Amino acid sequence: MKAIFLTGTAGAGKTLLASKINEYYTKNGAFSAILNLDPGVDSLPYSPDIDVRDFVDIQSIMNQYELGPNGSLIMASDLIASKIDVIGEQINAVNPDYLIIDTPGQIELFAYRQSGQFFIKNIEADDKVNLFLYDGPMVTTPINFVSIALLATSIKLRLSLPTINLITKIDLLEEKLQNVLEWSSNMELLEKALSEQTDGETYSLTTSILRSLGVVGLSEKIIPISNSTGVGMENLHSALSRIINMGEEIED
């Protein structure tokens, strides 16, 4: 089994992309399944094969412990880790070729709490990969782009997984998409854009962060993708194939 985690800021499109990846694998003859790891989600564009809401109920936690929404989500994320055995049993019962793991909308609940790392470590899979989603409309300014690139790097360090970076909602970006793609592959162009929109301490701090990302080799090219039109899906699956299928493409 191959495990594909989806991470990114709230609203970046993780849940919809999970459904699109599942559709792709199903269409191409592979057996995939989706694990919903968000205990607080109200509705989903897919029917999860394994759903943490079956084991952790946010409303019950709020009532029992007199917690607000944020406190109950934090407790729920830790409780999920305690359910790893029963979740693993359900995964084994389904036994997919590809397990698509839709992580919580609040990225910090999964990436920065110890329960997230515990979950990754204890999910039995032959290969594991993380897809980090850059929210397209959010990264159309150079300073926002650097900020999210820093977050992507932080998530990669926290999860210790091979990572594929994506930019979503490209159908909303129009001519701005080319700028973002150039920033992702050309540090000089990004520094120039930063110099035009920032100055003083902000410019110094931002360029220092940018150069550090480049020096440690964690800044990587980004695959543009649209959940609504399907543009970029083939490139995404080629990248997945290189990591989890050892270069072997799925055949129709």
Protein backbone atom coordinates (compact mmCIF):
# COMPACT_ATOMS: atom_id res chain seq x y z
CA MET A 1 0.00 0.00 0.00
CA LYS A 2 1.12 3.55 -0.83
CA ALA A 3 0.05 6.37 1.50
CA ILE A 4 -0.51 9.87 0.07
CA PHE A 5 -0.94 12.64 2.65
CA LEU A 6 -2.45 15.99 1.67
CA THR A 7 -1.46 19.08 3.66
CA GLY A 8 -1.78 22.82 3.21
CA THR A 9 -3.45 25.88 4.66
CA ALA A 10 -7.19 25.89 5.31
CA GLY A 11 -9.09 26.38 2.05
CA ALA A 12 -6.20 25.37 -0.20
CA GLY A 13 -8.26 22.56 -1.76
CA LYS A 14 -7.00 19.43 0.01
CA THR A 15 -10.38 17.73 0.29
CA LEU A 16 -11.41 18.31 -3.31
CA LEU A 17 -7.99 17.21 -4.56
CA ALA A 18 -8.29 14.03 -2.49
CA SER A 19 -11.47 13.19 -4.38
CA LYS A 20 -9.85 13.98 -7.75
CA ILE A 21 -6.85 11.74 -7.03
CA ASN A 22 -9.20 8.97 -5.99
CA GLU A 23 -11.16 9.39 -9.23
CA TYR A 24 -7.95 9.25 -11.25
CA TYR A 25 -6.74 6.01 -9.70
CA THR A 26 -10.18 4.41 -9.98
CA LYS A 27 -10.47 5.42 -13.63
CA ASN A 28 -7.07 3.90 -14.35
CA GLY A 29 -7.77 0.55 -12.74
CA ALA A 30 -6.05 1.00 -9.39
CA PHE A 31 -7.75 0.37 -6.06
CA SER A 32 -7.63 3.51 -3.96
CA ALA A 33 -9.33 4.57 -0.75
CA ILE A 34 -9.71 7.83 1.16
CA LEU A 35 -9.11 8.28 4.87
CA ASN A 36 -10.72 11.42 6.26
CA LEU A 37 -8.51 12.60 9.10
CA ASP A 38 -10.43 15.80 9.86
CA PRO A 39 -12.75 15.27 12.85
CA GLY A 40 -14.34 18.69 12.49
CA VAL A 41 -15.41 18.66 8.84
CA ASP A 42 -19.17 18.97 8.22
CA SER A 43 -19.44 17.70 4.65
CA LEU A 44 -17.14 16.09 2.10
CA PRO A 45 -17.17 15.85 -1.72
CA TYR A 46 -16.45 12.12 -1.43
CA SER A 47 -17.59 9.16 0.65
CA PRO A 48 -14.63 8.29 2.89
CA ASP A 49 -13.68 4.62 3.12
CA ILE A 50 -12.29 5.27 6.61
CA ASP A 51 -13.53 8.24 8.63
CA VAL A 52 -12.11 9.43 11.97
CA ARG A 53 -15.51 10.92 12.77
CA ASP A 54 -16.63 7.35 13.41
CA PHE A 55 -14.22 7.25 16.36
CA VAL A 56 -13.99 10.86 17.53
CA ASP A 57 -17.06 13.07 17.90
CA ILE A 58 -16.37 16.80 18.24
CA GLN A 59 -19.74 17.64 19.73
CA SER A 60 -19.40 14.96 22.41
CA ILE A 61 -15.95 16.27 23.33
CA MET A 62 -17.29 19.82 23.60
CA ASN A 63 -20.11 18.71 25.87
CA GLN A 64 -18.14 16.29 28.02
CA TYR A 65 -15.12 18.52 28.64
CA GLU A 66 -16.84 21.92 28.32
CA LEU A 67 -14.48 22.98 25.56
CA GLY A 68 -14.92 25.43 22.72
CA PRO A 69 -14.48 24.47 19.04
CA ASN A 70 -10.71 25.03 19.01
CA GLY A 71 -10.06 23.18 22.26
CA SER A 72 -12.20 20.26 21.16
CA LEU A 73 -10.35 20.01 17.84
CA ILE A 74 -7.02 19.90 19.67
CA MET A 75 -8.27 17.15 21.97
CA ALA A 76 -9.77 15.28 19.02
CA SER A 77 -6.47 15.32 17.12
CA ASP A 78 -4.75 13.70 20.08
CA LEU A 79 -7.55 11.17 20.53
CA ILE A 80 -7.17 10.13 16.90
CA ALA A 81 -3.63 8.97 17.64
CA SER A 82 -4.99 6.76 20.41
CA LYS A 83 -7.28 5.12 17.83
CA ILE A 84 -4.40 4.17 15.52
CA ASP A 85 -4.92 0.43 16.04
CA VAL A 86 -8.59 0.40 15.11
CA ILE A 87 -7.97 2.80 12.20
CA GLY A 88 -5.19 0.49 11.04
CA GLU A 89 -7.57 -2.46 11.20
CA GLN A 90 -10.05 -0.65 8.99
CA ILE A 91 -7.31 0.26 6.52
CA ASN A 92 -6.19 -3.37 6.39
CA ALA A 93 -9.78 -4.49 5.87
CA VAL A 94 -10.10 -2.18 2.87
CA ASN A 95 -6.52 -3.00 1.74
CA PRO A 96 -6.16 -0.40 -1.03
CA ASP A 97 -3.25 0.02 -3.40
CA TYR A 98 -3.29 3.74 -2.63
CA LEU A 99 -4.52 5.31 0.61
CA ILE A 100 -5.28 9.02 0.18
CA ILE A 101 -5.16 10.76 3.56
CA ASP A 102 -7.11 14.00 3.80
CA THR A 103 -5.61 15.85 6.78
CA PRO A 104 -7.40 18.51 8.92
CA GLY A 105 -8.06 21.92 7.46
CA GLN A 106 -6.16 23.47 10.37
CA ILE A 107 -2.69 22.33 9.39
CA GLU A 108 -1.22 22.86 12.85
CA LEU A 109 -3.47 20.14 14.29
CA PHE A 110 -1.72 17.54 12.18
CA ALA A 111 1.75 18.87 11.43
CA TYR A 112 2.78 20.49 14.69
CA ARG A 113 1.29 18.24 17.32
CA GLN A 114 3.09 15.04 18.27
CA SER A 115 0.00 13.02 17.41
CA GLY A 116 0.48 13.82 13.71
CA GLN A 117 4.01 12.45 13.61
CA PHE A 118 2.87 9.44 15.61
CA PHE A 119 0.13 8.78 13.08
CA ILE A 120 2.54 8.98 10.12
CA LYS A 121 5.02 6.68 11.79
CA ASN A 122 2.45 4.05 12.69
CA ILE A 123 0.48 3.87 9.46
CA GLU A 124 1.76 0.73 7.74
CA ALA A 125 2.60 1.50 4.11
CA ASP A 126 5.30 0.52 1.64
CA ASP A 127 5.82 4.16 0.66
CA LYS A 128 4.58 7.48 2.02
CA VAL A 129 4.51 10.88 0.33
CA ASN A 130 3.14 14.30 1.21
CA LEU A 131 1.43 16.71 -1.16
CA PHE A 132 1.71 20.29 0.07
CA LEU A 133 -0.81 22.66 -1.48
CA TYR A 134 -0.02 26.32 -2.07
CA ASP A 135 -3.35 28.18 -2.18
CA GLY A 136 -3.05 29.97 -5.54
CA PRO A 137 -4.83 33.26 -4.76
CA MET A 138 -2.90 33.49 -1.48
CA VAL A 139 0.59 33.44 -3.06
CA THR A 140 0.23 36.01 -5.84
CA THR A 141 2.38 38.53 -3.96
CA PRO A 142 6.08 37.79 -3.48
CA ILE A 143 6.05 38.20 0.31
CA ASN A 144 3.08 35.81 0.64
CA PHE A 145 4.82 33.36 -1.65
CA VAL A 146 7.95 33.34 0.52
CA SER A 147 5.82 32.98 3.66
CA ILE A 148 4.02 29.91 2.32
CA ALA A 149 7.28 28.48 0.97
CA LEU A 150 8.65 28.76 4.50
CA LEU A 151 5.57 26.98 5.83
CA ALA A 152 5.98 24.24 3.20
CA THR A 153 9.57 23.75 4.30
CA SER A 154 8.56 23.65 7.95
CA ILE A 155 5.91 21.02 7.21
CA LYS A 156 8.40 18.94 5.26
CA LEU A 157 10.83 19.02 8.19
CA ARG A 158 8.09 18.15 10.67
CA LEU A 159 6.63 15.24 8.72
CA SER A 160 9.93 13.87 7.36
CA LEU A 161 8.22 12.75 4.17
CA PRO A 162 9.11 13.12 0.49
CA THR A 163 7.10 16.14 -0.60
CA ILE A 164 5.51 17.30 -3.85
CA ASN A 165 4.54 20.97 -3.92
CA LEU A 166 1.41 22.03 -5.80
CA ILE A 167 -0.23 25.36 -6.51
CA THR A 168 -4.01 25.07 -6.63
CA LYS A 169 -6.87 27.13 -8.12
CA ILE A 170 -4.78 28.13 -11.11
CA ASP A 171 -7.92 28.87 -13.12
CA LEU A 172 -8.40 31.88 -10.81
CA LEU A 173 -4.92 33.34 -11.27
CA GLU A 174 -4.83 34.20 -14.99
CA GLU A 175 -1.61 36.11 -15.83
CA LYS A 176 -0.43 36.01 -12.20
CA LEU A 177 0.23 32.27 -12.47
CA GLN A 178 3.29 32.83 -14.66
CA ASN A 179 4.80 35.12 -12.03
CA VAL A 180 4.32 32.55 -9.29
CA LEU A 181 5.83 29.75 -11.39
CA GLU A 182 8.83 31.93 -12.21
CA TRP A 183 9.31 32.77 -8.53
CA SER A 184 9.29 29.07 -7.68
CA SER A 185 12.19 28.33 -10.02
CA ASN A 186 14.19 31.58 -10.19
CA MET A 187 15.42 33.13 -6.96
CA GLU A 188 16.74 36.24 -8.68
CA LEU A 189 13.33 37.07 -10.15
CA LEU A 190 11.69 36.55 -6.78
CA GLU A 191 14.23 38.81 -5.03
CA LYS A 192 13.61 41.47 -7.67
CA ALA A 193 9.86 41.25 -7.09
CA LEU A 194 10.43 41.53 -3.34
CA SER A 195 12.60 44.65 -3.82
CA GLU A 196 9.78 46.30 -5.76
CA GLN A 197 7.13 45.65 -3.12
CA THR A 198 9.02 45.77 0.19
CA ASP A 199 11.82 47.75 1.75
CA GLY A 200 13.92 48.04 4.88
CA GLU A 201 13.60 45.38 7.54
CA THR A 202 10.85 43.50 5.70
CA TYR A 203 12.97 43.12 2.57
CA SER A 204 16.04 42.09 4.57
CA LEU A 205 14.13 39.48 6.57
CA THR A 206 12.27 38.09 3.57
CA THR A 207 15.36 37.74 1.37
CA SER A 208 17.27 36.11 4.23
CA ILE A 209 14.50 33.53 4.55
CA LEU A 210 14.45 33.03 0.80
CA ARG A 211 18.20 32.47 0.57
CA SER A 212 18.13 30.07 3.49
CA LEU A 213 15.46 28.01 1.73
CA GLY A 214 17.63 27.89 -1.36
CA VAL A 215 20.83 27.04 0.51
CA VAL A 216 19.36 24.04 2.30
CA GLY A 217 17.83 22.75 -0.92
CA LEU A 218 14.25 22.69 0.32
CA SER A 219 12.74 25.15 -2.13
CA GLU A 220 11.37 23.14 -5.05
CA LYS A 221 9.47 23.72 -8.25
CA ILE A 222 5.71 23.75 -7.95
CA ILE A 223 3.21 21.82 -10.04
CA PRO A 224 0.23 23.98 -11.08
CA ILE A 225 -3.11 22.23 -10.78
CA SER A 226 -6.83 22.97 -11.04
CA ASN A 227 -9.34 20.80 -9.23
CA SER A 228 -12.18 22.23 -11.31
CA THR A 229 -10.71 21.77 -14.81
CA GLY A 230 -8.27 18.90 -14.18
CA VAL A 231 -5.33 20.82 -15.61
CA GLY A 232 -2.06 19.55 -14.14
CA MET A 233 -3.37 16.19 -12.92
CA GLU A 234 -1.15 14.24 -15.31
CA ASN A 235 1.93 16.10 -14.08
CA LEU A 236 0.93 15.39 -10.48
CA HIS A 237 0.53 11.70 -11.12
CA SER A 238 3.84 11.54 -12.97
CA ALA A 239 5.49 13.08 -9.90
CA LEU A 240 3.70 10.61 -7.62
CA SER A 241 4.80 7.76 -9.85
CA ARG A 242 8.45 8.76 -9.60
CA ILE A 243 8.28 8.64 -5.80
CA ILE A 244 5.89 5.83 -4.90
CA ASN A 245 5.82 3.65 -8.00
CA MET A 246 9.54 3.79 -8.81
CA GLY A 247 8.76 5.45 -12.13
CA GLU A 248 6.17 2.94 -13.27
CA GLU A 249 3.07 4.67 -14.62
CA ILE A 250 -0.42 3.38 -14.01
CA GLU A 251 -1.83 1.93 -17.19
CA ASP A 252 -5.35 2.43 -18.47
